Amino acid sequence: MKVARVVGTVTATVHQASYDGQTLLLCAPVDASGRVVGEQFVAVDRAQAGVGDTVLVNAEGGGARLVFGRKLTDALAIQDVIVGVVDAFHEG
């Protein structure tokens, strides 16, 4: 899992079928003070997040399969999934 801020939206008219009907958001990982600490990435939104929200991202394929109701052995071309909107978090 990682904490990120939604910084934009992504529109893709041609994509892999796993993305059909999904909302794609551009995210930037952040630290406890809210500073961006890594490269931006695209995540599928399952928590109705929006630009400016701090979100919790499941960042591995096995967890994504479970979120989408698939078996761990099923193929899925999705890795990063927004699973929650964060109200607050504290380090330490």
N, C-alpha and C. Protein backbone atom coordinates (compact mmCIF):
# COMPACT_ATOMS: atom_id res chain seq x y z
N MET A 1 0.84 -1.18 0.00
CA MET A 1 0.00 0.00 0.00
C MET A 1 0.88 1.24 0.00
N LYS A 2 0.36 2.28 -0.62
CA LYS A 2 1.05 3.56 -0.58
C LYS A 2 0.01 4.68 -0.48
N VAL A 3 0.46 5.81 0.04
CA VAL A 3 -0.39 6.99 0.15
C VAL A 3 0.01 7.94 -0.97
N ALA A 4 -0.99 8.50 -1.66
CA ALA A 4 -0.72 9.37 -2.80
C ALA A 4 -1.75 10.49 -2.84
N ARG A 5 -1.44 11.51 -3.64
CA ARG A 5 -2.39 12.59 -3.90
C ARG A 5 -2.81 12.49 -5.36
N VAL A 6 -4.10 12.62 -5.60
CA VAL A 6 -4.60 12.62 -6.98
C VAL A 6 -4.29 13.98 -7.58
N VAL A 7 -3.54 13.97 -8.69
CA VAL A 7 -3.11 15.22 -9.32
C VAL A 7 -3.74 15.44 -10.68
N GLY A 8 -4.49 14.48 -11.19
CA GLY A 8 -5.11 14.67 -12.49
C GLY A 8 -5.93 13.46 -12.90
N THR A 9 -6.55 13.57 -14.06
CA THR A 9 -7.34 12.48 -14.61
C THR A 9 -6.67 11.98 -15.88
N VAL A 10 -7.03 10.77 -16.27
CA VAL A 10 -6.47 10.17 -17.48
C VAL A 10 -7.63 9.70 -18.35
N THR A 11 -7.59 10.04 -19.63
CA THR A 11 -8.58 9.57 -20.58
C THR A 11 -7.87 8.72 -21.62
N ALA A 12 -8.40 7.54 -21.85
CA ALA A 12 -7.80 6.63 -22.84
C ALA A 12 -8.92 6.03 -23.67
N THR A 13 -9.02 6.42 -24.93
CA THR A 13 -10.08 5.88 -25.77
C THR A 13 -9.76 4.48 -26.26
N VAL A 14 -8.47 4.14 -26.34
CA VAL A 14 -8.05 2.80 -26.71
C VAL A 14 -7.25 2.25 -25.54
N HIS A 15 -7.66 1.10 -25.01
CA HIS A 15 -7.01 0.54 -23.83
C HIS A 15 -7.29 -0.96 -23.74
N GLN A 16 -6.63 -1.61 -22.82
CA GLN A 16 -6.83 -3.03 -22.56
C GLN A 16 -8.23 -3.20 -21.95
N ALA A 17 -8.88 -4.30 -22.23
CA ALA A 17 -10.27 -4.53 -21.82
C ALA A 17 -10.48 -4.44 -20.30
N SER A 18 -9.46 -4.72 -19.49
CA SER A 18 -9.59 -4.64 -18.03
C SER A 18 -9.98 -3.24 -17.57
N TYR A 19 -9.68 -2.23 -18.41
CA TYR A 19 -9.95 -0.84 -18.04
C TYR A 19 -11.33 -0.36 -18.49
N ASP A 20 -12.11 -1.21 -19.16
CA ASP A 20 -13.44 -0.81 -19.60
C ASP A 20 -14.28 -0.34 -18.42
N GLY A 21 -14.85 0.85 -18.52
CA GLY A 21 -15.74 1.38 -17.49
C GLY A 21 -15.04 1.85 -16.23
N GLN A 22 -13.72 1.87 -16.21
CA GLN A 22 -12.98 2.27 -15.02
C GLN A 22 -12.56 3.74 -15.12
N THR A 23 -12.49 4.41 -13.97
CA THR A 23 -11.98 5.77 -13.90
C THR A 23 -10.49 5.70 -13.61
N LEU A 24 -9.69 6.38 -14.42
CA LEU A 24 -8.25 6.39 -14.25
C LEU A 24 -7.81 7.74 -13.72
N LEU A 25 -7.00 7.73 -12.66
CA LEU A 25 -6.53 8.97 -12.05
C LEU A 25 -5.01 8.98 -12.00
N LEU A 26 -4.44 10.16 -12.21
CA LEU A 26 -3.00 10.34 -12.11
C LEU A 26 -2.67 10.67 -10.66
N CYS A 27 -1.76 9.91 -10.07
CA CYS A 27 -1.44 10.04 -8.64
C CYS A 27 0.05 10.31 -8.44
N ALA A 28 0.37 11.00 -7.34
CA ALA A 28 1.75 11.25 -6.95
C ALA A 28 1.92 10.78 -5.51
N PRO A 29 2.86 9.87 -5.23
CA PRO A 29 3.07 9.41 -3.86
C PRO A 29 3.51 10.55 -2.96
N VAL A 30 3.03 10.56 -1.71
CA VAL A 30 3.36 11.62 -0.76
C VAL A 30 3.84 11.02 0.56
N ASP A 31 4.60 11.85 1.32
CA ASP A 31 5.01 11.44 2.66
C ASP A 31 4.02 11.99 3.68
N ALA A 32 4.31 11.81 4.96
CA ALA A 32 3.39 12.21 6.03
C ALA A 32 3.14 13.71 6.07
N SER A 33 4.05 14.51 5.52
CA SER A 33 3.85 15.96 5.49
C SER A 33 3.16 16.41 4.21
N GLY A 34 2.84 15.47 3.33
CA GLY A 34 2.15 15.81 2.10
C GLY A 34 3.04 16.15 0.93
N ARG A 35 4.37 16.02 1.11
CA ARG A 35 5.31 16.31 0.02
C ARG A 35 5.37 15.13 -0.96
N VAL A 36 5.41 15.45 -2.23
CA VAL A 36 5.54 14.42 -3.26
C VAL A 36 6.92 13.77 -3.12
N VAL A 37 6.97 12.44 -3.10
CA VAL A 37 8.22 11.72 -2.85
C VAL A 37 8.57 10.71 -3.94
N GLY A 38 7.91 10.75 -5.05
CA GLY A 38 8.23 9.78 -6.09
C GLY A 38 7.58 10.12 -7.41
N GLU A 39 7.70 9.19 -8.32
CA GLU A 39 7.17 9.36 -9.68
C GLU A 39 5.65 9.21 -9.70
N GLN A 40 5.01 9.98 -10.56
CA GLN A 40 3.57 9.87 -10.74
C GLN A 40 3.23 8.54 -11.38
N PHE A 41 2.01 8.06 -11.14
CA PHE A 41 1.55 6.80 -11.70
C PHE A 41 0.05 6.89 -11.93
N VAL A 42 -0.47 5.99 -12.75
CA VAL A 42 -1.90 5.93 -13.03
C VAL A 42 -2.51 4.82 -12.18
N ALA A 43 -3.66 5.12 -11.56
CA ALA A 43 -4.35 4.12 -10.74
C ALA A 43 -5.83 4.08 -11.11
N VAL A 44 -6.42 2.91 -11.01
CA VAL A 44 -7.85 2.74 -11.21
C VAL A 44 -8.55 3.17 -9.91
N ASP A 45 -9.58 3.99 -10.04
CA ASP A 45 -10.28 4.51 -8.87
C ASP A 45 -11.45 3.61 -8.50
N ARG A 46 -11.43 3.05 -7.30
CA ARG A 46 -12.54 2.26 -6.77
C ARG A 46 -13.12 2.91 -5.52
N ALA A 47 -12.76 4.18 -5.25
CA ALA A 47 -13.19 4.85 -4.02
C ALA A 47 -13.84 6.21 -4.29
N GLN A 48 -14.15 6.48 -5.54
CA GLN A 48 -14.77 7.76 -5.93
C GLN A 48 -13.93 8.96 -5.49
N ALA A 49 -12.64 8.86 -5.72
CA ALA A 49 -11.70 9.94 -5.38
C ALA A 49 -11.75 11.01 -6.46
N GLY A 50 -11.16 12.17 -6.15
CA GLY A 50 -11.09 13.25 -7.11
C GLY A 50 -9.76 13.98 -7.00
N VAL A 51 -9.52 14.87 -7.94
CA VAL A 51 -8.28 15.63 -7.95
C VAL A 51 -8.15 16.40 -6.64
N GLY A 52 -6.97 16.31 -6.02
CA GLY A 52 -6.70 16.96 -4.74
C GLY A 52 -6.87 16.04 -3.54
N ASP A 53 -7.56 14.92 -3.71
CA ASP A 53 -7.74 13.98 -2.60
C ASP A 53 -6.44 13.24 -2.29
N THR A 54 -6.24 12.94 -1.01
CA THR A 54 -5.20 12.02 -0.59
C THR A 54 -5.83 10.65 -0.55
N VAL A 55 -5.17 9.66 -1.15
CA VAL A 55 -5.77 8.34 -1.31
C VAL A 55 -4.84 7.23 -0.85
N LEU A 56 -5.44 6.09 -0.55
CA LEU A 56 -4.71 4.87 -0.22
C LEU A 56 -4.74 3.99 -1.46
N VAL A 57 -3.55 3.58 -1.92
CA VAL A 57 -3.44 2.83 -3.16
C VAL A 57 -2.90 1.44 -2.88
N ASN A 58 -3.65 0.43 -3.30
CA ASN A 58 -3.17 -0.94 -3.29
C ASN A 58 -2.27 -1.05 -4.51
N ALA A 59 -1.00 -1.33 -4.28
CA ALA A 59 -0.01 -1.24 -5.36
C ALA A 59 0.60 -2.59 -5.73
N GLU A 60 -0.24 -3.61 -5.85
CA GLU A 60 0.27 -4.89 -6.31
C GLU A 60 -0.87 -5.69 -6.94
N GLY A 61 -0.53 -6.51 -7.89
CA GLY A 61 -1.52 -7.20 -8.71
C GLY A 61 -2.44 -8.15 -7.98
N GLY A 62 -1.92 -8.87 -6.96
CA GLY A 62 -2.77 -9.81 -6.22
C GLY A 62 -3.91 -9.11 -5.51
N GLY A 63 -3.61 -7.99 -4.88
CA GLY A 63 -4.65 -7.21 -4.21
C GLY A 63 -5.64 -6.64 -5.20
N ALA A 64 -5.16 -6.22 -6.37
CA ALA A 64 -6.05 -5.70 -7.41
C ALA A 64 -7.03 -6.78 -7.85
N ARG A 65 -6.55 -7.98 -8.00
CA ARG A 65 -7.44 -9.08 -8.40
C ARG A 65 -8.55 -9.26 -7.36
N LEU A 66 -8.21 -9.19 -6.08
CA LEU A 66 -9.23 -9.34 -5.04
C LEU A 66 -10.24 -8.20 -5.07
N VAL A 67 -9.77 -6.97 -5.28
CA VAL A 67 -10.67 -5.81 -5.36
C VAL A 67 -11.65 -5.98 -6.51
N PHE A 68 -11.19 -6.57 -7.61
CA PHE A 68 -12.05 -6.77 -8.78
C PHE A 68 -12.78 -8.12 -8.76
N GLY A 69 -12.70 -8.83 -7.64
CA GLY A 69 -13.42 -10.09 -7.51
C GLY A 69 -12.88 -11.22 -8.36
N ARG A 70 -11.60 -11.18 -8.66
CA ARG A 70 -10.97 -12.23 -9.47
C ARG A 70 -10.20 -13.18 -8.57
N LYS A 71 -9.91 -14.36 -9.09
CA LYS A 71 -9.04 -15.30 -8.39
C LYS A 71 -7.60 -14.83 -8.53
N LEU A 72 -6.77 -15.21 -7.58
CA LEU A 72 -5.35 -14.81 -7.63
C LEU A 72 -4.64 -15.36 -8.86
N THR A 73 -5.18 -16.40 -9.46
CA THR A 73 -4.56 -16.98 -10.66
C THR A 73 -5.08 -16.37 -11.95
N ASP A 74 -6.11 -15.51 -11.87
CA ASP A 74 -6.67 -14.87 -13.06
C ASP A 74 -5.74 -13.77 -13.57
N ALA A 75 -5.75 -13.56 -14.87
CA ALA A 75 -4.98 -12.47 -15.47
C ALA A 75 -5.74 -11.16 -15.28
N LEU A 76 -5.02 -10.10 -14.96
CA LEU A 76 -5.61 -8.77 -14.83
C LEU A 76 -4.51 -7.76 -15.12
N ALA A 77 -4.75 -6.85 -16.05
CA ALA A 77 -3.73 -5.88 -16.46
C ALA A 77 -3.77 -4.62 -15.61
N ILE A 78 -4.18 -4.74 -14.36
CA ILE A 78 -4.28 -3.60 -13.45
C ILE A 78 -3.42 -3.90 -12.24
N GLN A 79 -2.59 -2.93 -11.84
CA GLN A 79 -1.77 -3.11 -10.65
C GLN A 79 -2.13 -2.12 -9.56
N ASP A 80 -2.22 -0.83 -9.87
CA ASP A 80 -2.48 0.19 -8.86
C ASP A 80 -3.97 0.52 -8.80
N VAL A 81 -4.56 0.32 -7.61
CA VAL A 81 -5.99 0.55 -7.42
C VAL A 81 -6.20 1.45 -6.20
N ILE A 82 -6.93 2.54 -6.38
CA ILE A 82 -7.29 3.42 -5.26
C ILE A 82 -8.41 2.73 -4.49
N VAL A 83 -8.13 2.41 -3.22
CA VAL A 83 -9.09 1.67 -2.41
C VAL A 83 -9.68 2.50 -1.28
N GLY A 84 -9.21 3.73 -1.09
CA GLY A 84 -9.77 4.57 -0.03
C GLY A 84 -9.32 6.01 -0.15
N VAL A 85 -10.16 6.90 0.35
CA VAL A 85 -9.81 8.32 0.45
C VAL A 85 -9.39 8.56 1.90
N VAL A 86 -8.21 9.14 2.09
CA VAL A 86 -7.63 9.34 3.43
C VAL A 86 -8.10 10.68 4.00
N ASP A 87 -8.67 10.64 5.21
CA ASP A 87 -9.06 11.87 5.89
C ASP A 87 -7.85 12.50 6.57
N ALA A 88 -7.03 11.68 7.24
CA ALA A 88 -5.85 12.16 7.93
C ALA A 88 -4.93 10.98 8.21
N PHE A 89 -3.63 11.27 8.34
CA PHE A 89 -2.69 10.23 8.79
C PHE A 89 -1.55 10.91 9.52
N HIS A 90 -0.91 10.15 10.40
CA HIS A 90 0.15 10.68 11.24
C HIS A 90 1.32 9.72 11.22
N GLU A 91 2.51 10.26 11.14
CA GLU A 91 3.71 9.45 11.11
C GLU A 91 4.22 9.25 12.55
N GLY A 92 4.65 8.04 12.84
CA GLY A 92 5.27 7.77 14.12
C GLY A 92 4.31 7.29 15.09
